[in-house]
Protein backbone atom coordinates (compact mmCIF):
# COMPACT_ATOMS: atom_id res chain seq x y z
CA UNK A 1 0.00 0.00 0.00
CA UNK A 2 1.19 3.48 -0.89
CA UNK A 3 0.83 6.15 1.77
CA UNK A 4 1.56 9.85 1.44
CA UNK A 5 3.02 11.09 4.71
CA UNK A 6 4.21 14.43 6.00
CA UNK A 7 5.52 15.71 9.33
CA UNK A 8 6.76 19.00 10.69
CA UNK A 9 9.47 18.18 13.24
CA UNK A 10 12.24 15.71 13.96
CA UNK A 11 10.05 13.93 16.47
CA UNK A 12 7.40 13.58 13.78
CA UNK A 13 9.95 12.10 11.38
CA UNK A 14 11.01 9.52 13.96
CA UNK A 15 7.39 8.58 14.58
CA UNK A 16 6.79 8.25 10.83
CA UNK A 17 9.57 5.65 10.65
CA UNK A 18 7.53 3.42 12.98
CA UNK A 19 4.55 3.50 10.63
CA UNK A 20 6.63 2.19 7.72
CA UNK A 21 7.05 -1.08 9.63
CA UNK A 22 3.33 -1.68 10.07
CA UNK A 23 1.10 -4.01 8.09
CA UNK A 24 -1.77 -1.87 6.79
CA UNK A 25 -4.48 -2.47 4.22
CA UNK A 26 -7.95 -1.37 3.17
CA UNK A 27 -10.55 -3.92 2.06
CA UNK A 28 -11.72 -3.01 -1.44
CA UNK A 29 -14.06 -5.86 -2.25
CA UNK A 30 -13.91 -9.62 -1.81
CA UNK A 31 -13.26 -12.15 -4.54
CA UNK A 32 -13.35 -15.90 -5.03
CA UNK A 33 -12.31 -18.17 -7.86
CA UNK A 34 -12.67 -21.86 -8.57
CA UNK A 35 -9.17 -21.69 -10.06
CA UNK A 36 -7.40 -20.67 -6.85
CA UNK A 37 -5.23 -17.58 -6.77
CA UNK A 38 -4.49 -15.28 -3.85
CA UNK A 39 -4.44 -11.56 -3.06
CA UNK A 40 -1.08 -10.04 -3.94
CA UNK A 41 0.96 -8.96 -0.94
CA UNK A 42 3.01 -5.79 -0.74
CA UNK A 43 4.82 -3.81 1.93
CA UNK A 44 3.97 -0.27 2.90
CA UNK A 45 5.51 2.27 0.55
CA UNK A 46 5.82 5.77 2.01
CA UNK A 47 5.89 8.80 -0.25
CA UNK A 48 7.43 11.64 1.74
CA UNK A 49 6.89 15.31 1.07
CA UNK A 50 10.61 16.13 1.15
CA UNK A 51 11.27 19.63 -0.17
CA UNK A 52 7.99 19.92 -2.06
CA UNK A 53 5.40 22.45 -1.02
CA UNK A 54 2.55 21.02 1.02
CA UNK A 55 -0.12 22.04 -1.56
CA UNK A 56 1.76 20.31 -4.42
CA UNK A 57 2.32 17.20 -2.32
CA UNK A 58 -1.34 16.95 -1.35
CA UNK A 59 -2.58 17.68 -4.86
CA UNK A 60 -0.63 14.67 -6.12
CA UNK A 61 -2.01 12.42 -3.38
CA UNK A 62 -5.60 13.51 -3.96
CA UNK A 63 -5.25 13.01 -7.74
CA UNK A 64 -4.39 9.38 -6.99
CA UNK A 65 -6.98 9.12 -4.18
CA UNK A 66 -4.25 7.63 -1.98
CA UNK A 67 -4.19 7.83 1.84
CA UNK A 68 -2.56 10.87 3.41
CA UNK A 69 -1.12 10.82 6.92
CA UNK A 70 -0.24 14.01 8.78
CA UNK A 71 1.93 13.77 11.87
CA UNK A 72 1.25 17.03 13.63
CA UNK A 73 -1.60 19.35 14.52
CA UNK A 74 -5.12 18.61 13.29
CA UNK A 75 -5.65 22.25 12.37
CA UNK A 76 -2.74 22.21 9.92
CA UNK A 77 -4.22 19.21 8.15
CA UNK A 78 -7.73 20.68 7.93
CA UNK A 79 -6.51 23.94 6.42
CA UNK A 80 -4.20 22.13 3.99
CA UNK A 81 -6.76 19.69 2.56
CA UNK A 82 -9.74 22.09 2.46
CA UNK A 83 -9.15 23.30 -1.14
CA UNK A 84 -8.85 19.70 -2.39
CA UNK A 85 -12.03 18.22 -0.93
CA UNK A 86 -14.46 17.23 -3.71
CA UNK A 87 -16.78 14.36 -2.83
CA UNK A 88 -16.79 11.36 -0.52
CA UNK A 89 -16.61 9.00 -3.51
CA UNK A 90 -13.26 10.35 -4.73
CA UNK A 91 -11.54 12.06 -1.78
CA UNK A 92 -8.33 10.64 -0.36
CA UNK A 93 -8.58 9.08 3.09
CA UNK A 94 -6.84 11.49 5.46
CA UNK A 95 -5.55 10.72 8.95
CA UNK A 96 -3.83 12.85 11.59
CA UNK A 97 -1.51 11.48 14.28
CA UNK A 98 -0.02 13.55 17.05
CA UNK A 99 3.77 13.46 17.48
CA UNK A 100 3.52 11.50 20.72
CA UNK A 101 1.48 8.78 19.06
CA UNK A 102 -1.41 9.08 21.49
CA UNK A 103 -4.21 9.58 18.98
CA UNK A 104 -5.03 8.50 15.43
CA UNK A 105 -7.77 10.66 13.90
CA UNK A 106 -9.48 9.80 10.61
CA UNK A 107 -10.46 13.17 9.14
CA UNK A 108 -11.74 12.47 5.63
CA UNK A 109 -13.18 9.53 3.68
CA UNK A 110 -13.58 7.37 6.75
CA UNK A 111 -15.87 4.81 5.13
CA UNK A 112 -15.52 4.71 1.34
CA UNK A 113 -11.80 5.55 1.41
CA UNK A 114 -11.05 3.39 4.45
CA UNK A 115 -9.62 6.05 6.77
CA UNK A 116 -11.44 4.58 9.76
CA UNK A 117 -10.11 1.11 8.95
CA UNK A 118 -6.55 2.42 8.68
CA UNK A 119 -6.94 4.38 11.91
CA UNK A 120 -8.02 1.26 13.80
CA UNK A 121 -5.09 -0.73 12.40
CA UNK A 122 -2.52 1.96 13.23
CA UNK A 123 -3.95 2.51 16.70
CA UNK A 124 -3.91 -1.20 17.49
CA UNK A 125 -0.32 -1.59 16.28
CA UNK A 126 1.02 1.49 18.08
CA UNK A 127 -1.16 1.14 21.21
CA UNK A 128 -2.80 4.46 20.46
CA UNK A 129 -6.42 5.60 20.59
CA UNK A 130 -8.37 5.77 17.33
CA UNK A 131 -10.59 8.86 17.48
CA UNK A 132 -13.43 7.74 15.21
CA UNK A 133 -16.41 10.12 15.09
CA UNK A 134 -18.68 8.79 12.33
CA UNK A 135 -22.12 8.21 13.84
CA UNK A 136 -22.67 4.61 12.75
CA UNK A 137 -19.26 3.57 14.11
CA UNK A 138 -19.74 5.40 17.41
CA UNK A 139 -23.08 3.65 17.90
CA UNK A 140 -21.85 0.26 16.72
CA UNK A 141 -24.24 0.20 13.76
CA UNK A 142 -24.16 -1.10 10.21
CA UNK A 143 -22.34 1.28 7.83
CA UNK A 144 -23.81 0.75 4.39
CA UNK A 145 -20.95 2.47 2.54
CA UNK A 146 -18.38 0.24 4.24
CA UNK A 147 -20.59 -2.73 3.36
CA UNK A 148 -20.51 -1.61 -0.28
CA UNK A 149 -16.74 -1.14 -0.34
CA UNK A 150 -16.02 -4.52 1.17
CA UNK A 151 -18.44 -6.36 -1.12
CA UNK A 152 -17.38 -4.97 -4.49
CA UNK A 153 -20.46 -2.74 -4.86
CA UNK A 154 -20.37 0.78 -6.21
CA UNK A 155 -22.47 3.44 -4.53
CA UNK A 156 -24.52 4.99 -7.32
CA UNK A 157 -26.31 7.75 -5.42
CA UNK A 158 -24.23 8.54 -2.31
CA UNK A 159 -26.62 11.27 -1.19
CA UNK A 160 -29.00 8.47 -0.14
CA UNK A 161 -26.50 7.13 2.41
CA UNK A 162 -27.82 9.72 4.87
CA UNK A 163 -31.32 8.30 4.61
CA UNK A 164 -30.14 4.76 5.35
CA UNK A 165 -27.85 5.81 8.21
CA UNK A 166 -30.54 8.10 9.63
CA UNK A 167 -33.02 5.25 9.91
CA UNK A 168 -30.44 3.08 11.65
CA UNK A 169 -29.57 5.85 14.11
CA UNK A 170 -33.27 6.14 14.97
CA UNK A 171 -33.39 2.45 15.79
CA UNK A 172 -35.22 1.39 12.64
CA UNK A 173 -34.60 -1.65 10.47
CA UNK A 174 -33.52 -1.04 6.89
CA UNK A 175 -34.83 -3.19 4.06
CA UNK A 176 -32.51 -4.51 1.35
CA UNK A 177 -33.43 -6.23 -1.91
CA UNK A 178 -30.93 -8.07 -4.12
CA UNK A 179 -31.54 -8.53 -7.84
CA UNK A 180 -31.09 -12.29 -8.56
CA UNK A 181 -29.83 -11.40 -12.04
CA UNK A 182 -26.86 -9.64 -10.42
CA UNK A 183 -25.91 -11.99 -7.61
CA UNK A 184 -26.24 -15.72 -7.18
CA UNK A 185 -27.84 -17.14 -4.01
CA UNK A 186 -24.34 -18.12 -2.85
CA UNK A 187 -23.10 -14.56 -3.28
CA UNK A 188 -26.13 -13.17 -1.47
CA UNK A 189 -25.49 -15.55 1.43
CA UNK A 190 -21.92 -14.25 1.73
CA UNK A 191 -23.12 -10.66 2.16
CA UNK A 192 -24.04 -11.51 5.77
CA UNK A 193 -25.91 -8.31 6.65
CA UNK A 194 -26.34 -7.66 10.40
CA UNK A 195 -29.53 -7.76 12.42
CA UNK A 196 -30.36 -4.15 11.52
CA UNK A 197 -30.84 -5.20 7.88
CA UNK A 198 -33.80 -7.18 6.61
CA UNK A 199 -33.31 -8.95 3.28
CA UNK A 200 -36.47 -9.38 1.24
CA UNK A 201 -37.03 -11.24 -1.99
CA UNK A 202 -36.84 -9.46 -5.32
CA UNK A 203 -40.47 -10.37 -5.99
CA UNK A 204 -41.53 -8.65 -2.76
CA UNK A 205 -39.57 -5.57 -3.71
CA UNK A 206 -41.03 -5.46 -7.22
CA UNK A 207 -44.52 -5.88 -5.79
CA UNK A 208 -44.23 -2.57 -3.99
CA UNK A 209 -42.60 -3.35 -0.63
CA UNK A 210 -40.69 -0.33 0.70
CA UNK A 211 -36.96 -0.76 0.06
CA UNK A 212 -34.07 1.26 1.50
CA UNK A 213 -31.21 -0.41 -0.38
CA UNK A 214 -31.37 -1.96 -3.84
CA UNK A 215 -28.49 -4.12 -5.05
CA UNK A 216 -29.07 -4.04 -8.79
CA UNK A 217 -27.94 -2.65 -12.10
CA UNK A 218 -31.48 -2.00 -13.19
CA UNK A 219 -33.25 1.28 -12.59
CA UNK A 220 -35.51 0.88 -9.55
CA UNK A 221 -38.87 2.59 -9.48
CA UNK A 222 -37.84 5.04 -6.73
CA UNK A 223 -34.34 6.29 -6.09
CA UNK A 224 -34.42 9.60 -4.26
CA UNK A 225 -34.30 8.03 -0.81
CA UNK A 226 -33.39 4.51 -1.90
CA UNK A 227 -29.67 3.74 -2.00
CA UNK A 228 -28.57 1.95 -5.15
CA UNK A 229 -25.58 -0.39 -4.94
CA UNK A 230 -24.46 -1.83 -8.27
CA UNK A 231 -22.32 -4.98 -8.33
CA UNK A 232 -19.03 -4.39 -10.13
CA UNK A 233 -18.62 -6.89 -12.95
CA UNK A 234 -15.46 -6.11 -14.93
CA UNK A 235 -12.16 -7.90 -14.28
CA UNK A 236 -8.92 -6.68 -15.85
CA UNK A 237 -6.33 -9.34 -16.61
CA UNK A 238 -2.93 -7.74 -17.08
CA UNK A 239 0.65 -8.51 -17.96
CA UNK A 240 3.63 -6.25 -18.41
CA UNK A 241 7.35 -6.15 -18.91
CA UNK A 242 9.38 -5.99 -15.73
CA UNK A 243 9.37 -2.64 -13.91
CA UNK A 244 6.74 -0.99 -16.06
CA UNK A 245 5.67 2.19 -14.31
CA UNK A 246 2.17 3.05 -13.25
CA UNK A 247 2.05 5.93 -15.73
CA UNK A 248 2.95 3.60 -18.60
CA UNK A 249 0.34 1.04 -17.58
CA UNK A 250 -2.23 3.77 -17.08
CA UNK A 251 -1.99 4.71 -20.76
CA UNK A 252 -3.39 1.33 -21.74
CA UNK A 253 -6.31 1.77 -19.33
CA UNK A 254 -6.90 5.29 -20.64
CA UNK A 255 -7.11 3.97 -24.20
CA UNK A 256 -9.82 1.46 -23.27
CA UNK A 257 -11.72 4.01 -21.19
CA UNK A 258 -11.61 6.64 -23.93
CA UNK A 259 -12.93 4.13 -26.46
CA UNK A 260 -15.68 3.22 -23.97
CA UNK A 261 -14.69 -0.42 -23.90
CA UNK A 262 -14.43 -0.38 -20.11
CA UNK A 263 -16.01 1.69 -17.35
CA UNK A 264 -13.74 2.61 -14.43
CA UNK A 265 -16.69 2.51 -12.05
CA UNK A 266 -17.40 -1.11 -12.94
CA UNK A 267 -13.94 -2.62 -12.35
CA UNK A 268 -14.13 -5.39 -9.76
CA UNK A 269 -10.55 -6.68 -9.67
CA UNK A 270 -7.13 -6.60 -11.33
CA UNK A 271 -5.50 -9.99 -12.01
CA UNK A 272 -2.16 -11.35 -13.24
CA UNK A 273 0.31 -14.20 -12.84
CA UNK A 274 2.11 -14.53 -9.51
CA UNK A 275 5.53 -13.61 -10.92
CA UNK A 276 4.04 -10.11 -11.35
CA UNK A 277 2.98 -9.90 -7.71
CA UNK A 278 5.67 -7.33 -6.86
CA UNK A 279 5.22 -5.14 -9.93
CA UNK A 280 4.78 -1.68 -8.41
CA UNK A 281 2.97 -0.34 -11.49
CA UNK A 282 0.23 -2.95 -11.21
CA UNK A 283 0.00 -2.45 -7.46
CA UNK A 284 -0.37 1.29 -7.87
CA UNK A 285 -3.06 0.86 -10.51
CA UNK A 286 -5.07 -1.49 -8.28
CA UNK A 287 -4.84 0.91 -5.35
CA UNK A 288 -5.83 3.86 -7.53
CA UNK A 289 -8.86 1.95 -8.81
CA UNK A 290 -9.60 0.75 -5.25
CA UNK A 291 -9.90 -2.89 -6.28
CA UNK A 292 -8.22 -6.14 -5.20
CA UNK A 293 -5.04 -7.21 -7.03
CA UNK A 294 -5.26 -11.00 -7.44
CA UNK A 295 -2.52 -13.28 -8.75
CA UNK A 296 -2.52 -16.90 -9.94
CA UNK A 297 0.28 -19.38 -10.41
CA UNK A 298 1.15 -20.54 -13.93
CA UNK A 299 -0.28 -23.95 -13.03
CA UNK A 300 -3.58 -22.43 -11.93
CA UNK A 301 -3.84 -20.35 -15.11
CA UNK A 302 -3.20 -23.41 -17.28
CA UNK A 303 -6.38 -24.98 -15.88
CA UNK A 304 -8.57 -22.13 -17.11
CA UNK A 305 -10.52 -23.32 -20.19
CA UNK A 306 -11.09 -21.08 -23.19
CA UNK A 307 -9.90 -19.91 -26.57
CA UNK A 308 -6.89 -17.78 -25.68
CA UNK A 309 -4.23 -15.89 -27.60
CA UNK A 310 -1.15 -18.14 -27.38
CA UNK A 311 2.41 -16.83 -27.09
CA UNK A 312 5.43 -19.16 -27.08
CA UNK A 313 7.55 -16.35 -25.63
CA UNK A 314 5.17 -15.84 -22.69
CA UNK A 315 5.04 -19.60 -22.11
CA UNK A 316 8.83 -19.77 -21.98
CA UNK A 317 9.07 -16.71 -19.71
CA UNK A 318 6.35 -17.31 -17.10
CA UNK A 319 5.29 -20.93 -17.69
CA UNK A 320 1.87 -20.37 -19.26
CA UNK A 321 1.01 -19.44 -22.85
CA UNK A 322 -1.16 -16.44 -21.96
CA UNK A 323 -1.38 -14.27 -18.85
CA UNK A 324 -3.88 -11.47 -19.32
CA UNK A 325 -6.78 -13.44 -20.83
CA UNK A 326 -6.43 -16.44 -18.55
CA UNK A 327 -6.02 -14.24 -15.45
CA UNK A 328 -9.09 -12.18 -16.34
CA UNK A 329 -11.29 -15.25 -16.76
CA UNK A 330 -9.85 -16.90 -13.63
CA UNK A 331 -10.47 -13.85 -11.42
CA UNK A 332 -13.96 -13.56 -12.94
CA UNK A 333 -14.53 -17.12 -11.65
CA UNK A 334 -14.99 -18.53 -15.12
CA UNK A 335 -16.89 -15.55 -16.53
CA UNK A 336 -16.97 -14.57 -20.17
CA UNK A 337 -14.03 -12.96 -21.96
CA UNK A 338 -15.23 -9.61 -23.30
CA UNK A 339 -12.03 -8.25 -24.78
CA UNK A 340 -9.18 -10.48 -25.95
CA UNK A 341 -5.55 -9.55 -25.45
CA UNK A 342 -4.68 -5.94 -26.24
CA UNK A 343 -1.01 -4.95 -26.29
CA UNK A 344 0.70 -1.58 -26.18
CA UNK A 345 4.29 -0.66 -25.29
CA UNK A 346 5.03 -3.72 -23.17
CA UNK A 347 1.64 -3.84 -21.45
CA UNK A 348 -1.10 -6.37 -22.16
CA UNK A 349 -4.70 -6.35 -20.99
CA UNK A 350 -7.80 -8.47 -21.40
CA UNK A 351 -11.27 -7.93 -19.96
CA UNK A 352 -13.67 -10.51 -18.53
CA UNK A 353 -17.12 -10.26 -17.02
CA UNK A 354 -17.94 -11.92 -13.72
CA UNK A 355 -20.18 -14.95 -14.03
CA UNK A 356 -23.11 -13.54 -12.01
CA UNK A 357 -23.90 -10.26 -13.75
CA UNK A 358 -26.87 -8.25 -14.93
CA UNK A 359 -25.57 -7.13 -18.29
CA UNK A 360 -23.40 -9.15 -20.67
CA UNK A 361 -21.78 -7.67 -23.74
CA UNK A 362 -20.09 -9.33 -26.67
CA UNK A 363 -16.36 -8.86 -27.21
CA UNK A 364 -15.49 -5.40 -28.48
CA UNK A 365 -19.02 -4.02 -28.03
CA UNK A 366 -19.07 -0.43 -26.79
CA UNK A 367 -20.33 0.16 -23.28
CA UNK A 368 -23.73 1.66 -24.05
CA UNK A 369 -25.39 0.28 -20.92
CA UNK A 370 -27.06 3.11 -18.93
CA UNK A 371 -24.73 4.05 -16.08
CA UNK A 372 -26.81 4.61 -12.96
CA UNK A 373 -23.80 5.93 -11.09
CA UNK A 374 -23.06 8.53 -13.74
CA UNK A 375 -26.72 9.46 -13.95
CA UNK A 376 -27.03 10.06 -10.25
CA UNK A 377 -24.00 12.28 -10.01
CA UNK A 378 -20.89 10.33 -8.98
CA UNK A 379 -17.71 10.04 -11.02
CA UNK A 380 -18.21 9.38 -14.72
CA UNK A 381 -15.38 6.91 -15.17
CA UNK A 382 -13.13 9.01 -17.39
CA UNK A 383 -9.46 9.77 -16.96
CA UNK A 384 -8.28 13.33 -16.95
CA UNK A 385 -4.75 14.25 -18.00
CA UNK A 386 -3.48 13.97 -14.43
CA UNK A 387 -4.61 10.35 -14.28
CA UNK A 388 -7.38 10.75 -11.73
CA UNK A 389 -11.04 9.88 -12.14
CA UNK A 390 -12.72 12.95 -13.52
CA UNK A 391 -16.17 14.39 -13.85
CA UNK A 392 -18.02 13.89 -10.59
CA UNK A 393 -21.20 15.74 -11.38
CA UNK A 394 -22.31 16.29 -7.79
CA UNK A 395 -18.90 17.45 -6.66
């Protein structure tokens, strides 16, 4: 995980060194595959401010949506990040630690960005106190936006989160309906909502039962107060030459986004072969997209059935005749291959659709499916020149 960190004294610098030794992570969706695989593991990478100005340093971090840790006064952090705050769906998670290491304070993007989760991990490791102030956490209640992040669901109309949380804070039960065309019964069972959430059948919901949370890619009949969570369905299988940078890899993604072959909002996971587990460019891309980075052994990829683009060179190098296509299908748990291998400047990519999905497209078909998330005002899934997600209409 990449963390942007700044401090303002020698004592702060010494305390920062302790954080580099910690094991930290944010849960951006779960995944499972009949072909095996495992989440890629990586150490903490600290990006220090050095001699850069604080505004330039923070602007870079927020463009990437990466976590920012201040070691110093809370007031300094608040004033510094204020001009960069856009919307809870795209803001960087921001935390403040005092120089003595007594308190860890998540300031921004506590739920969707994972600042609260990071604060709890840091506090536990350093024997500090996590100062978490979000109402659902303080009251020990279900946080629907955390639920979405951890289950690979995109929040299409984040303004409705307040309605759901408000009902919970008033002691009410919230009602959730899951579209069976989007999630299998096994996937629904793994959601494991708490006692504050009542799951009803899709037929009940369609018959007019009041619903607070829809899990669907279809347009529900009422959305102003109903939270819409859309299952992410796109898996990117990727390969690259050794030490390809994030910026180089990003160009391939930008090409597919600009041609509307993929939607950034819909990406569920990034997958590759295990010899690429330490590739920093792939790691950075996965963190920027806020998705799991999953890797498979050559033996596991060989077991994936399908009509794949074969390369003798790749087979000799990594032990399997194709990486990107096989990895995409494997991480999609045997889903359909939408886009066969695309190659550009030492980077390869293929796109697969998860097996339990609402909308299936043929290979190469443009993404003309109505985007509920774009319609309701969150990020549009385009890259700007700086490499960040651009165009959040409600921001």
